[in-house]
Amino acid sequence: MGRIAVIGAGMGAMAAAARLAVAGHQVTVYERSKTYGGSVGRFEREGFAFDTGPGLLHLPAVWRDLFMKTGKEPLEQCVELVQVNPASRHLFADGTAVSLPNASRAGTVSALEETLGSGAGERWGALLGRARDTWERTRRPLLEEPLPADPAPLEREPYPGLKSGLLRRPPTTLAEVGRRELRDPRLAALLESYALAYGFDPAGAPASAAVLPYMEQTFGSWYVRGGIRALADAVHERCRARKVTFVFGAEVTGVMEKDGRAAGLQLAGEFVEADQVVSGAPVPALYRDQVVAWESQDEWPRHQTGARTGRVTLCLALRGPRPADAVHRTVVHSADREDELESLARGRLAERPTVVVLRPDDDRLRPDGDHESVTVTATVPAGGMHASENLWAREPETVEAFADRMTQAAEAALPGLSERLLWREVRTPADTFRETGTYQVPGPALAGARGALLPADNRSPLPGLHFAGGWAHPGGGLAHAGMSGALVAGLIVEGADFRGSR
């Protein structure tokens, strides 16, 4: 079997590495930073620990499949998964609050009907029915198969929409779906919050983004005991058990080419030969040398051609125990949705952002039972690709003022927050850039939008070079990154005959 060089130790890259090693390949991973996991990071201080990337796991079947196919120990023997119930609590601008159960469409419909009034649950349930149709039309080609040679079918909007009266044209954006089909600003805000959580501007995201709440409410939300970073630890250990070699502090500056195909990597001061290369991270030399189709680094990746977004995460160390009735995840919706969406589109910070408050009941994340670790997250403009043009690097006062507004918004979910706060750590897209090489956080692939949200093909124009991870098909997010690793492994092991994951 062959020698395979993997660029980056993110989740998708490690998923590909483990599968390729099981297939008999000699796999070496080269990571520019000092650790693995990519955006699945951790911040620790004074006995407190925080996930700095995703805080919840959706579609755990993707990672169950990886562990089943790469060793004897299943996922549940390597990490402890806990279903989050309620899945989320939503606090709306008018003071209404609703808790949504985990993986129960009927329960969600009932909760919305009871809280938001007659017809609200029915309209939400009908929307999820149309989202299910969209999921069934696009699931396999969009998530489980390599991108087709002709992606035109995926470029067309698959969401059927509600057709009545003079409204014969199906909606083209998620915001339009909310206005036309939900007819309640709170339901519209609920729908849009799923897009915001993945970094999409609802005013620009296609109607097919309705699959995002469908996926979560159908397959559920899970927490990994010890934090999502524990999943990265388990995947790294699985790679090591399969004899994958990791080289940290090794920045890849280019891909070697010989006889018209990838032949290895260029590192600082040395070359590494390989029979195949898997790129799990954006490498500037690839676009500079026109290996990929984008003309500049600002266009990497293709599926961020709309508003480029990142995340601000506050790590809050609190005195006092976590109340027994505390909800794991609370979404505090913006009091000014229009301003928030306009701010994203115009690249400025909202005055009143939507924030997601995570309060895991996990003694591994706090020094003792008399303290609590909390994260607060908001989706924000990522800014330019270079530090000199990025507000996150050059305007610390603006960043702190925005963090203050986030903390104030979080008070609605956590009364008495200001009195309990020991300290906070503010993490911005500048930290994302330092750790991953880009300010942006990639979102999952979505059909429609004329293909603007389809990520890079796993197969590059250069034979022997493949793309994995959040920047490649089928896009960002823990589940999608894991799927990309499976697709790349299948393409390398089975070649042109590979028809997709099963």
Protein backbone atom coordinates (compact mmCIF):
# COMPACT_ATOMS: atom_id res chain seq x y z
CA MET A 1 0.00 0.00 0.00
CA GLY A 2 1.03 3.63 -0.32
CA ARG A 3 2.50 6.44 1.72
CA ILE A 4 -0.11 9.10 2.47
CA ALA A 5 0.70 12.57 3.78
CA VAL A 6 -2.15 14.40 5.52
CA ILE A 7 -2.09 18.18 5.93
CA GLY A 8 -3.63 19.22 9.26
CA ALA A 9 -4.92 17.28 12.25
CA GLY A 10 -8.51 18.53 12.21
CA MET A 11 -11.42 16.18 12.75
CA GLY A 12 -12.05 15.46 9.07
CA ALA A 13 -8.36 14.90 8.38
CA MET A 14 -8.02 12.53 11.34
CA ALA A 15 -11.16 10.66 10.25
CA ALA A 16 -9.60 10.10 6.85
CA ALA A 17 -6.23 9.14 8.38
CA ALA A 18 -7.72 6.45 10.63
CA ARG A 19 -9.71 4.88 7.78
CA LEU A 20 -6.73 4.93 5.43
CA ALA A 21 -4.45 3.36 8.02
CA VAL A 22 -6.94 0.51 8.54
CA ALA A 23 -6.87 -0.02 4.77
CA GLY A 24 -3.12 -0.69 5.04
CA HIS A 25 -1.64 2.67 4.08
CA GLN A 26 1.31 4.29 5.84
CA VAL A 27 -0.19 7.57 7.05
CA THR A 28 1.62 10.61 8.46
CA VAL A 29 -0.21 13.75 9.61
CA TYR A 30 1.59 17.12 9.50
CA GLU A 31 0.02 19.76 11.76
CA ARG A 32 1.18 23.40 11.96
CA SER A 33 0.11 23.85 15.60
CA LYS A 34 1.10 21.95 18.73
CA THR A 35 -2.04 19.87 19.00
CA TYR A 36 -4.81 18.09 17.08
CA GLY A 37 -8.52 18.74 16.69
CA GLY A 38 -8.54 21.87 14.53
CA SER A 39 -11.44 24.04 15.63
CA VAL A 40 -12.38 21.51 18.34
CA GLY A 41 -10.23 23.17 20.96
CA ARG A 42 -10.17 23.73 24.69
CA PHE A 43 -9.30 26.64 26.97
CA GLU A 44 -8.25 25.89 30.56
CA ARG A 45 -7.52 28.20 33.46
CA GLU A 46 -7.59 27.85 37.25
CA GLY A 47 -9.43 24.55 37.20
CA PHE A 48 -12.05 25.70 34.67
CA ALA A 49 -12.23 24.16 31.19
CA PHE A 50 -14.22 25.26 28.13
CA ASP A 51 -14.87 23.97 24.62
CA THR A 52 -13.73 26.68 22.21
CA GLY A 53 -15.37 25.07 19.18
CA PRO A 54 -18.68 23.24 18.91
CA GLY A 55 -20.32 22.44 22.24
CA LEU A 56 -22.81 19.81 21.11
CA LEU A 57 -22.74 16.81 18.79
CA HIS A 58 -25.38 16.17 16.13
CA LEU A 59 -25.61 13.07 13.92
CA PRO A 60 -23.38 10.96 16.21
CA ALA A 61 -23.89 8.05 13.77
CA VAL A 62 -21.07 9.54 11.67
CA TRP A 63 -18.56 9.02 14.47
CA ARG A 64 -20.07 5.69 15.51
CA ASP A 65 -19.37 4.52 11.96
CA LEU A 66 -15.75 5.68 12.16
CA PHE A 67 -15.09 3.83 15.42
CA MET A 68 -16.89 0.70 14.22
CA LYS A 69 -14.82 0.52 11.04
CA THR A 70 -11.43 1.35 12.58
CA GLY A 71 -11.32 -0.84 15.69
CA LYS A 72 -13.03 -3.15 18.14
CA GLU A 73 -14.04 -0.46 20.66
CA PRO A 74 -17.25 1.36 19.66
CA LEU A 75 -17.64 5.08 20.17
CA GLU A 76 -19.56 4.68 23.44
CA GLN A 77 -16.63 2.79 24.97
CA CYS A 78 -14.29 5.66 24.12
CA VAL A 79 -16.46 8.63 25.11
CA GLU A 80 -19.59 9.07 27.20
CA LEU A 81 -22.50 10.48 25.19
CA VAL A 82 -25.38 12.19 26.98
CA GLN A 83 -28.62 13.23 25.28
CA VAL A 84 -29.42 16.86 26.05
CA ASN A 85 -32.99 17.34 27.23
CA PRO A 86 -34.50 19.78 26.67
CA ALA A 87 -32.54 20.20 23.49
CA SER A 88 -32.74 23.97 23.84
CA ARG A 89 -34.59 26.81 25.49
CA HIS A 90 -35.42 29.91 23.45
CA LEU A 91 -35.89 33.36 24.94
CA PHE A 92 -37.53 35.75 22.47
CA ALA A 93 -37.41 39.53 22.37
CA ASP A 94 -40.99 39.88 23.68
CA GLY A 95 -40.15 37.87 26.81
CA THR A 96 -41.70 34.60 25.60
CA ALA A 97 -39.74 31.47 26.53
CA VAL A 98 -40.13 27.96 25.13
CA SER A 99 -38.21 24.75 25.78
CA LEU A 100 -37.94 22.24 22.93
CA PRO A 101 -37.55 18.52 23.69
CA ASN A 102 -34.75 16.44 22.23
CA ALA A 103 -35.48 14.49 19.04
CA SER A 104 -39.26 14.76 19.33
CA ARG A 105 -41.07 16.46 16.49
CA ALA A 106 -44.45 15.90 18.16
CA GLY A 107 -43.13 17.29 21.44
CA THR A 108 -41.70 20.34 19.68
CA VAL A 109 -44.97 21.02 17.89
CA SER A 110 -46.85 20.70 21.18
CA ALA A 111 -44.46 23.03 23.04
CA LEU A 112 -44.71 25.72 20.34
CA GLU A 113 -48.48 25.40 20.15
CA GLU A 114 -48.83 25.79 23.89
CA THR A 115 -46.38 28.66 24.26
CA LEU A 116 -46.71 30.70 21.07
CA GLY A 117 -50.41 30.24 20.45
CA SER A 118 -52.84 28.27 18.33
CA GLY A 119 -51.44 27.33 14.93
CA ALA A 120 -47.78 28.02 15.76
CA GLY A 121 -46.88 24.38 16.31
CA GLU A 122 -48.87 23.30 13.27
CA ARG A 123 -47.03 25.76 11.02
CA TRP A 124 -43.64 24.68 12.41
CA GLY A 125 -44.51 21.02 11.93
CA ALA A 126 -45.59 21.66 8.33
CA LEU A 127 -42.32 23.47 7.64
CA LEU A 128 -40.35 20.51 9.03
CA GLY A 129 -42.34 18.27 6.72
CA ARG A 130 -41.15 20.27 3.72
CA ALA A 131 -37.63 20.25 5.19
CA ARG A 132 -37.86 16.45 5.39
CA ASP A 133 -38.70 16.35 1.68
CA THR A 134 -35.63 18.52 1.04
CA TRP A 135 -33.48 16.21 3.20
CA GLU A 136 -34.65 13.11 1.34
CA ARG A 137 -34.00 14.72 -2.05
CA THR A 138 -30.49 15.84 -1.21
CA ARG A 139 -29.16 13.64 1.62
CA ARG A 140 -27.23 11.13 -0.43
CA PRO A 141 -25.77 13.34 -3.20
CA LEU A 142 -25.07 16.18 -0.78
CA LEU A 143 -23.67 14.23 2.17
CA GLU A 144 -22.82 10.63 1.35
CA GLU A 145 -21.46 10.71 -2.20
CA PRO A 146 -18.61 12.59 -3.86
CA LEU A 147 -19.80 15.70 -5.64
CA PRO A 148 -21.12 14.75 -9.08
CA ALA A 149 -19.21 15.82 -12.16
CA ASP A 150 -22.23 17.94 -13.04
CA PRO A 151 -23.41 19.64 -9.82
CA ALA A 152 -26.25 21.47 -11.61
CA PRO A 153 -29.00 19.45 -9.83
CA LEU A 154 -27.59 20.51 -6.46
CA GLU A 155 -27.41 24.13 -7.58
CA ARG A 156 -31.20 24.29 -7.94
CA GLU A 157 -33.35 25.02 -4.88
CA PRO A 158 -34.80 21.72 -3.61
CA TYR A 159 -37.04 23.17 -0.90
CA PRO A 160 -40.65 22.82 -2.13
CA GLY A 161 -42.11 25.77 -0.25
CA LEU A 162 -45.71 26.57 0.48
CA LYS A 163 -47.67 27.49 -2.63
CA SER A 164 -50.96 29.28 -2.14
CA GLY A 165 -52.87 32.10 -3.76
CA LEU A 166 -50.65 34.30 -5.87
CA LEU A 167 -47.47 32.98 -4.22
CA ARG A 168 -46.63 30.38 -6.84
CA ARG A 169 -42.89 30.92 -6.65
CA PRO A 170 -41.16 28.83 -3.95
CA PRO A 171 -39.09 30.88 -1.49
CA THR A 172 -35.42 31.34 -2.34
CA THR A 173 -33.97 32.29 1.06
CA LEU A 174 -34.45 31.02 4.59
CA ALA A 175 -35.61 34.45 5.75
CA GLU A 176 -38.29 34.36 3.07
CA VAL A 177 -39.40 30.94 4.32
CA GLY A 178 -39.85 32.39 7.79
CA ARG A 179 -41.87 35.37 6.61
CA ARG A 180 -44.14 33.50 4.21
CA GLU A 181 -44.68 30.19 5.96
CA LEU A 182 -44.37 30.83 9.70
CA ARG A 183 -46.09 34.24 9.96
CA ASP A 184 -44.84 34.84 13.50
CA PRO A 185 -41.65 36.82 14.21
CA ARG A 186 -40.78 34.43 17.05
CA LEU A 187 -41.07 31.36 14.84
CA ALA A 188 -39.06 33.16 12.16
CA ALA A 189 -36.37 33.97 14.73
CA LEU A 190 -36.36 30.32 15.82
CA LEU A 191 -35.83 29.18 12.23
CA GLU A 192 -33.12 31.75 11.58
CA SER A 193 -31.24 30.83 14.76
CA TYR A 194 -30.32 27.44 13.30
CA ALA A 195 -28.72 29.14 10.29
CA LEU A 196 -26.90 31.64 12.51
CA ALA A 197 -25.52 28.80 14.63
CA TYR A 198 -23.82 27.40 11.53
CA GLY A 199 -22.57 30.81 10.43
CA PHE A 200 -25.12 31.48 7.69
CA ASP A 201 -26.85 34.81 7.16
CA PRO A 202 -30.57 33.83 6.97
CA ALA A 203 -31.20 36.63 4.48
CA GLY A 204 -28.71 35.04 2.09
CA ALA A 205 -28.93 31.36 2.99
CA PRO A 206 -31.05 29.30 0.59
CA ALA A 207 -34.45 27.97 1.60
CA SER A 208 -32.85 24.52 1.76
CA ALA A 209 -31.22 25.62 5.03
CA ALA A 210 -34.52 24.49 6.58
CA VAL A 211 -32.84 21.06 6.76
CA LEU A 212 -30.72 22.36 9.66
CA PRO A 213 -33.51 22.41 12.26
CA TYR A 214 -34.92 19.23 10.68
CA MET A 215 -31.64 17.37 11.25
CA GLU A 216 -31.30 18.51 14.83
CA GLN A 217 -34.91 17.90 15.81
CA THR A 218 -34.94 14.50 14.09
CA PHE A 219 -31.57 13.03 15.11
CA GLY A 220 -31.12 14.83 18.41
CA SER A 221 -28.46 16.77 20.30
CA TRP A 222 -25.75 15.07 22.32
CA TYR A 223 -23.12 16.19 24.79
CA VAL A 224 -19.78 14.44 25.22
CA ARG A 225 -18.86 14.12 28.89
CA GLY A 226 -15.68 16.08 29.43
CA GLY A 227 -16.57 18.39 26.54
CA ILE A 228 -16.46 17.93 22.78
CA ARG A 229 -12.67 18.08 23.06
CA ALA A 230 -12.93 14.57 24.54
CA LEU A 231 -14.18 13.38 21.14
CA ALA A 232 -11.08 14.86 19.49
CA ASP A 233 -8.96 13.05 22.09
CA ALA A 234 -10.69 9.76 21.27
CA VAL A 235 -10.26 10.18 17.51
CA HIS A 236 -6.59 11.04 17.97
CA GLU A 237 -6.10 7.93 20.11
CA ARG A 238 -7.85 5.80 17.51
CA CYS A 239 -5.46 7.15 14.87
CA ARG A 240 -2.46 6.35 17.06
CA ALA A 241 -3.80 2.85 17.70
CA ARG A 242 -3.95 2.35 13.93
CA LYS A 243 -0.26 3.43 13.68
CA VAL A 244 -0.89 6.89 12.22
CA THR A 245 2.16 9.11 12.78
CA PHE A 246 1.65 12.74 13.90
CA VAL A 247 4.22 15.50 13.34
CA PHE A 248 3.29 18.70 15.19
CA GLY A 249 4.78 22.13 14.61
CA ALA A 250 5.15 21.25 10.93
CA GLU A 251 3.75 23.93 8.64
CA VAL A 252 3.12 22.80 5.08
CA THR A 253 4.02 25.46 2.54
CA GLY A 254 3.23 23.59 -0.65
CA VAL A 255 2.40 20.34 -2.40
CA MET A 256 5.09 18.71 -4.52
CA GLU A 257 4.13 17.74 -8.05
CA LYS A 258 5.86 15.14 -10.23
CA ASP A 259 4.77 13.78 -13.59
CA GLY A 260 1.45 15.59 -13.33
CA ARG A 261 0.37 14.32 -9.91
CA ALA A 262 0.92 15.07 -6.23
CA ALA A 263 4.18 13.57 -5.00
CA GLY A 264 4.59 14.91 -1.47
CA LEU A 265 4.75 18.00 0.72
CA GLN A 266 7.02 20.97 1.04
CA LEU A 267 7.77 21.91 4.65
CA ALA A 268 10.04 24.59 5.98
CA GLY A 269 13.47 23.50 4.75
CA GLU A 270 12.54 19.97 3.66
CA PHE A 271 10.47 17.87 1.29
CA VAL A 272 8.41 14.83 2.23
CA GLU A 273 7.62 12.29 -0.46
CA ALA A 274 4.21 10.64 -0.60
CA ASP A 275 2.09 8.64 -3.03
CA GLN A 276 -1.08 10.51 -2.09
CA VAL A 277 -1.79 13.78 -0.28
CA VAL A 278 -4.87 14.65 1.78
CA SER A 279 -5.29 18.34 2.56
CA GLY A 280 -7.42 18.87 5.65
CA ALA A 281 -6.72 22.60 5.89
CA PRO A 282 -6.50 25.59 3.52
CA VAL A 283 -2.95 25.86 2.19
CA PRO A 284 -2.24 29.21 0.49
CA ALA A 285 0.18 27.62 -1.98
CA LEU A 286 -2.63 25.53 -3.42
CA TYR A 287 -4.61 28.52 -4.64
CA ARG A 288 -1.47 30.47 -5.55
CA ASP A 289 -0.32 27.64 -7.77
CA GLN A 290 -3.86 27.24 -9.16
CA VAL A 291 -4.31 23.72 -7.86
CA VAL A 292 -7.75 24.86 -6.71
CA ALA A 293 -10.11 27.08 -8.65
CA TRP A 294 -10.24 30.14 -6.38
CA GLU A 295 -8.41 33.22 -7.47
CA SER A 296 -7.41 34.50 -4.04
CA GLN A 297 -7.27 33.45 -0.42
CA ASP A 298 -10.33 35.63 0.27
CA GLU A 299 -12.33 33.19 -1.89
CA TRP A 300 -11.32 30.15 0.14
CA PRO A 301 -13.55 28.27 0.54
CA ARG A 302 -16.08 28.44 -2.25
CA HIS A 303 -19.06 27.92 0.06
CA GLN A 304 -18.38 31.15 1.94
CA THR A 305 -19.07 33.42 -1.00
CA GLY A 306 -21.84 35.10 0.99
CA ALA A 307 -21.24 36.96 4.24
CA ARG A 308 -18.04 35.53 5.70
CA THR A 309 -18.66 34.74 9.34
CA GLY A 310 -16.77 33.64 12.40
CA ARG A 311 -17.54 33.30 16.09
CA VAL A 312 -16.91 35.15 19.30
CA THR A 313 -16.92 32.85 22.33
CA LEU A 314 -16.88 34.03 25.92
CA CYS A 315 -15.49 31.58 28.48
CA LEU A 316 -17.11 32.56 31.78
CA ALA A 317 -15.82 31.35 35.14
CA LEU A 318 -18.61 31.67 37.69
CA ARG A 319 -18.69 31.40 41.49
CA GLY A 320 -21.57 29.43 42.91
CA PRO A 321 -22.91 25.99 41.94
CA ARG A 322 -24.85 25.23 38.79
CA PRO A 323 -28.56 25.09 39.68
CA ALA A 324 -30.11 21.64 39.36
CA ASP A 325 -32.80 22.96 37.00
CA ALA A 326 -30.38 24.81 34.69
CA VAL A 327 -30.89 24.18 30.96
CA HIS A 328 -27.85 23.00 29.01
CA ARG A 329 -28.44 25.27 25.99
CA THR A 330 -30.36 28.55 25.88
CA VAL A 331 -30.69 30.75 22.80
CA VAL A 332 -31.28 34.41 23.65
CA HIS A 333 -32.69 35.95 20.50
CA SER A 334 -31.76 39.44 19.40
CA ALA A 335 -34.16 42.22 20.31
CA ASP A 336 -33.51 43.68 16.84
CA ARG A 337 -33.38 40.91 14.24
CA GLU A 338 -33.25 43.28 11.28
CA ASP A 339 -30.24 45.14 12.65
CA GLU A 340 -28.47 41.86 13.45
CA LEU A 341 -28.92 40.49 9.93
CA GLU A 342 -27.97 43.81 8.35
CA SER A 343 -24.85 43.91 10.53
CA LEU A 344 -23.76 40.49 9.28
CA ALA A 345 -24.31 41.51 5.68
CA ARG A 346 -22.41 44.78 6.11
CA GLY A 347 -19.53 43.33 8.12
CA ARG A 348 -20.19 45.18 11.38
CA LEU A 349 -21.03 44.07 14.91
CA ALA A 350 -24.67 44.00 15.99
CA GLU A 351 -25.77 46.13 18.89
CA ARG A 352 -27.93 43.31 20.25
CA PRO A 353 -26.64 39.96 18.99
CA THR A 354 -28.31 36.58 19.33
CA VAL A 355 -26.26 34.55 21.80
CA VAL A 356 -26.13 30.85 22.63
CA VAL A 357 -25.48 30.05 26.29
CA LEU A 358 -24.12 26.59 27.13
CA ARG A 359 -24.17 25.39 30.75
CA PRO A 360 -22.98 21.76 30.77
CA ASP A 361 -23.51 19.79 33.97
CA ASP A 362 -19.99 18.35 33.97
CA ASP A 363 -17.68 18.20 36.96
CA ARG A 364 -14.71 17.74 34.62
CA LEU A 365 -15.06 21.34 33.46
CA ARG A 366 -15.03 23.10 36.85
CA PRO A 367 -12.69 23.14 39.86
CA ASP A 368 -15.41 21.95 42.27
CA GLY A 369 -19.15 21.91 42.89
CA ASP A 370 -19.12 25.52 44.06
CA HIS A 371 -18.24 26.87 40.60
CA GLU A 372 -19.60 26.71 37.06
CA SER A 373 -18.12 26.89 33.54
CA VAL A 374 -20.29 28.63 30.95
CA THR A 375 -19.73 29.55 27.31
CA VAL A 376 -21.56 32.26 25.39
CA THR A 377 -21.28 32.35 21.60
CA ALA A 378 -22.31 34.77 18.85
CA THR A 379 -21.95 34.64 15.07
CA VAL A 380 -20.07 37.67 13.74
CA PRO A 381 -18.44 38.93 10.54
CA ALA A 382 -15.09 37.21 10.10
CA GLY A 383 -13.51 40.22 8.41
CA GLY A 384 -10.61 40.14 5.99
CA MET A 385 -8.15 37.30 5.79
CA HIS A 386 -5.14 39.34 6.91
CA ALA A 387 -4.50 40.74 10.38
CA SER A 388 -3.82 44.25 9.10
CA GLU A 389 -7.36 44.53 7.74
CA ASN A 390 -9.20 42.63 10.47
CA LEU A 391 -10.98 44.44 13.28
CA TRP A 392 -10.46 41.47 15.61
CA ALA A 393 -6.74 42.09 15.56
CA ARG A 394 -6.65 45.87 15.43
CA GLU A 395 -9.60 47.11 17.54
CA PRO A 396 -9.45 45.64 21.07
CA GLU A 397 -11.81 48.29 22.48
CA THR A 398 -14.49 47.38 19.94
CA VAL A 399 -14.05 43.70 20.74
CA GLU A 400 -14.40 44.26 24.50
CA ALA A 401 -17.49 46.41 24.00
CA PHE A 402 -19.09 43.64 21.94
CA ALA A 403 -18.18 41.09 24.61
CA ASP A 404 -19.90 43.34 27.15
CA ARG A 405 -23.06 43.32 25.02
CA MET A 406 -22.90 39.54 24.74
CA THR A 407 -22.54 39.22 28.52
CA GLN A 408 -25.49 41.53 29.03
CA ALA A 409 -27.62 39.45 26.63
CA ALA A 410 -26.62 36.25 28.44
CA GLU A 411 -28.04 37.67 31.69
CA ALA A 412 -31.51 36.77 30.39
CA ALA A 413 -30.53 33.11 30.47
CA LEU A 414 -28.37 33.36 33.58
CA PRO A 415 -29.85 35.80 36.12
CA GLY A 416 -27.24 37.22 38.48
CA LEU A 417 -24.43 36.57 35.98
CA SER A 418 -22.58 39.81 36.69
CA GLU A 419 -22.48 39.10 40.45
CA ARG A 420 -21.22 35.54 39.92
CA LEU A 421 -18.58 36.34 37.31
CA LEU A 422 -15.00 35.68 38.47
CA TRP A 423 -13.39 36.30 35.09
CA ARG A 424 -14.00 35.91 31.39
CA GLU A 425 -11.85 34.98 28.42
CA VAL A 426 -12.86 36.51 25.09
CA ARG A 427 -12.07 34.42 22.03
CA THR A 428 -12.54 35.98 18.58
CA PRO A 429 -11.94 35.12 14.92
CA ALA A 430 -8.34 36.25 15.53
CA ASP A 431 -7.93 33.22 17.83
CA THR A 432 -9.54 31.03 15.18
CA PHE A 433 -7.00 32.35 12.68
CA ARG A 434 -4.08 31.66 15.01
CA GLU A 435 -5.21 28.08 15.58
CA THR A 436 -6.60 27.09 12.18
CA GLY A 437 -5.12 29.53 9.65
CA THR A 438 -8.42 31.25 8.79
CA TYR A 439 -10.78 33.70 10.49
CA GLN A 440 -13.86 31.90 9.21
CA VAL A 441 -15.79 28.93 10.55
CA PRO A 442 -17.09 26.84 7.63
CA GLY A 443 -20.73 25.82 7.44
CA PRO A 444 -22.23 22.61 6.05
CA ALA A 445 -23.01 22.18 2.36
CA LEU A 446 -26.43 23.41 1.25
CA ALA A 447 -28.18 22.83 -2.05
CA GLY A 448 -29.63 25.73 -4.00
CA ALA A 449 -28.17 29.25 -4.14
CA ARG A 450 -26.82 28.39 -7.62
CA GLY A 451 -24.18 26.23 -6.00
CA ALA A 452 -22.62 29.05 -3.98
CA LEU A 453 -22.74 26.94 -0.79
CA LEU A 454 -21.29 23.77 -2.23
CA PRO A 455 -17.80 23.22 -0.77
CA ALA A 456 -14.71 22.19 -2.67
CA ASP A 457 -14.80 18.76 -4.31
CA ASN A 458 -12.90 16.10 -2.36
CA ARG A 459 -11.01 15.41 -5.60
CA SER A 460 -8.67 18.17 -6.66
CA PRO A 461 -7.68 18.98 -10.24
CA LEU A 462 -4.24 17.59 -9.38
CA PRO A 463 -4.30 13.77 -9.37
CA GLY A 464 -3.19 12.31 -6.05
CA LEU A 465 -4.40 15.32 -4.03
CA HIS A 466 -7.67 15.17 -2.08
CA PHE A 467 -9.49 17.62 0.22
CA ALA A 468 -11.04 16.70 3.58
CA GLY A 469 -12.41 18.59 6.57
CA GLY A 470 -14.80 21.49 6.96
CA TRP A 471 -13.54 23.33 3.88
CA ALA A 472 -14.29 20.37 1.62
CA HIS A 473 -17.42 18.48 0.63
CA PRO A 474 -19.80 18.09 2.47
CA GLY A 475 -18.76 21.11 4.56
CA GLY A 476 -18.26 22.25 8.13
CA GLY A 477 -19.58 21.00 11.44
CA LEU A 478 -18.52 17.89 13.35
CA ALA A 479 -20.74 15.46 11.46
CA HIS A 480 -19.99 16.88 8.03
CA ALA A 481 -16.24 16.93 8.66
CA GLY A 482 -16.42 13.26 9.63
CA MET A 483 -18.33 12.51 6.43
CA SER A 484 -15.64 14.24 4.37
CA GLY A 485 -13.01 11.95 5.91
CA ALA A 486 -15.06 8.91 4.93
CA LEU A 487 -15.47 10.18 1.36
CA VAL A 488 -11.76 10.88 0.90
CA ALA A 489 -10.79 7.48 2.28
CA GLY A 490 -13.26 5.82 -0.06
CA LEU A 491 -11.94 7.71 -3.08
CA ILE A 492 -8.34 6.74 -2.30
CA VAL A 493 -9.04 3.11 -1.41
CA GLU A 494 -11.62 2.32 -4.08
CA GLY A 495 -10.66 4.87 -6.71
CA ALA A 496 -13.02 5.78 -9.53
CA ASP A 497 -15.38 2.95 -8.56
CA PHE A 498 -16.26 4.59 -5.23
CA ARG A 499 -19.92 5.57 -5.18
CA GLY A 500 -20.26 6.90 -1.66
CA SER A 501 -20.44 5.98 2.00
CA ARG A 502 -22.93 3.37 3.15
